[in-house]
Protein backbone atom coordinates (compact mmCIF):
# COMPACT_ATOMS: atom_id res chain seq x y z
CA MET A 1 10.39 9.27 5.14
CA ILE A 2 8.00 6.35 4.65
CA SER A 3 8.20 4.51 1.34
CA TYR A 4 5.50 2.25 -0.07
CA ARG A 5 7.87 0.80 -2.68
CA LYS A 6 7.45 -2.63 -1.09
CA LEU A 7 3.70 -2.47 -1.79
CA TRP A 8 4.23 -1.92 -5.52
CA ILE A 9 6.87 -4.66 -5.65
CA LYS A 10 4.51 -7.06 -3.84
CA LEU A 11 1.66 -6.33 -6.25
CA LYS A 12 3.93 -6.81 -9.27
CA LYS A 13 5.42 -10.03 -7.86
CA GLU A 14 1.93 -11.45 -7.30
CA SER A 15 0.72 -10.17 -10.69
CA LEU A 16 -2.02 -8.11 -9.07
CA PRO A 17 -3.18 -4.91 -10.78
CA TYR A 18 -3.35 -1.75 -8.69
CA SER A 19 -7.11 -1.68 -9.17
CA TYR A 20 -7.42 -5.09 -7.50
CA MET A 21 -5.73 -3.86 -4.33
CA ARG A 22 -7.65 -0.58 -4.33
CA GLU A 23 -11.03 -2.28 -4.78
CA LYS A 24 -10.40 -5.18 -2.41
CA ALA A 25 -9.01 -2.93 0.33
CA LYS A 26 -11.76 -0.37 -0.35
CA ILE A 27 -9.40 2.59 -0.27
CA SER A 28 -10.30 5.87 -1.91
CA PRO A 29 -8.64 7.18 -5.07
CA GLY A 30 -7.16 9.99 -2.93
CA THR A 31 -5.52 7.49 -0.57
CA PHE A 32 -4.19 5.55 -3.54
CA ILE A 33 -2.59 8.73 -4.93
CA LYS A 34 -1.03 9.44 -1.53
CA LEU A 35 0.46 5.94 -1.53
CA LYS A 36 1.86 6.46 -5.04
CA ASN A 37 3.46 9.74 -3.88
CA ASN A 38 4.80 8.28 -0.59
CA GLU A 39 2.62 10.68 1.38
CA PRO A 40 1.23 9.86 4.85
CA VAL A 41 -1.90 7.71 4.98
CA SER A 42 -3.88 6.52 7.98
CA LEU A 43 -3.04 3.33 9.82
CA TYR A 44 -6.62 2.30 9.16
CA SER A 45 -5.97 2.41 5.40
CA LEU A 46 -2.72 0.47 5.81
CA GLU A 47 -4.55 -2.12 7.91
CA LYS A 48 -7.17 -2.55 5.17
CA ILE A 49 -4.42 -3.06 2.58
CA CYS A 50 -2.64 -5.62 4.77
CA ARG A 51 -5.90 -7.46 5.39
CA SER A 52 -6.75 -7.51 1.68
CA LEU A 53 -3.28 -8.79 0.70
CA ASP A 54 -2.96 -11.07 3.76
CA CYS A 55 0.39 -9.58 4.72
CA ASN A 56 2.27 -7.79 7.48
CA ILE A 57 2.69 -4.00 7.42
CA GLY A 58 6.46 -4.43 6.98
CA GLU A 59 5.76 -6.13 3.66
CA ILE A 60 4.18 -3.00 2.17
CA MET A 61 6.12 -0.10 3.65
CA GLU A 62 9.47 0.86 5.10
CA TYR A 63 11.22 3.81 6.69
CA VAL A 64 13.95 5.33 4.56
CA GLY A 65 16.13 8.17 5.79
CA ASP A 66 15.83 11.59 4.21
C-alpha cells in the first residue's frame, strides 16, 4: 500500500496549510481526497506536488506493506 503520510508531515513541518499545496500544485479536490485516504493518484499529480513543494517523490510518499 502507498502512504502519503510523509506529505502531511512535510506540510506540517514547513507550516504550510493543505490549501496552499492544493492551490500551488493545482490538484483537484478529488485528488486531494484520494491523497488523504491513501488511494492511488496519477504520477502527473504527484509530479505537480513535488514541483510545487520543490521536493523528491520519496519525501511525500512511501510503500508500506499490507
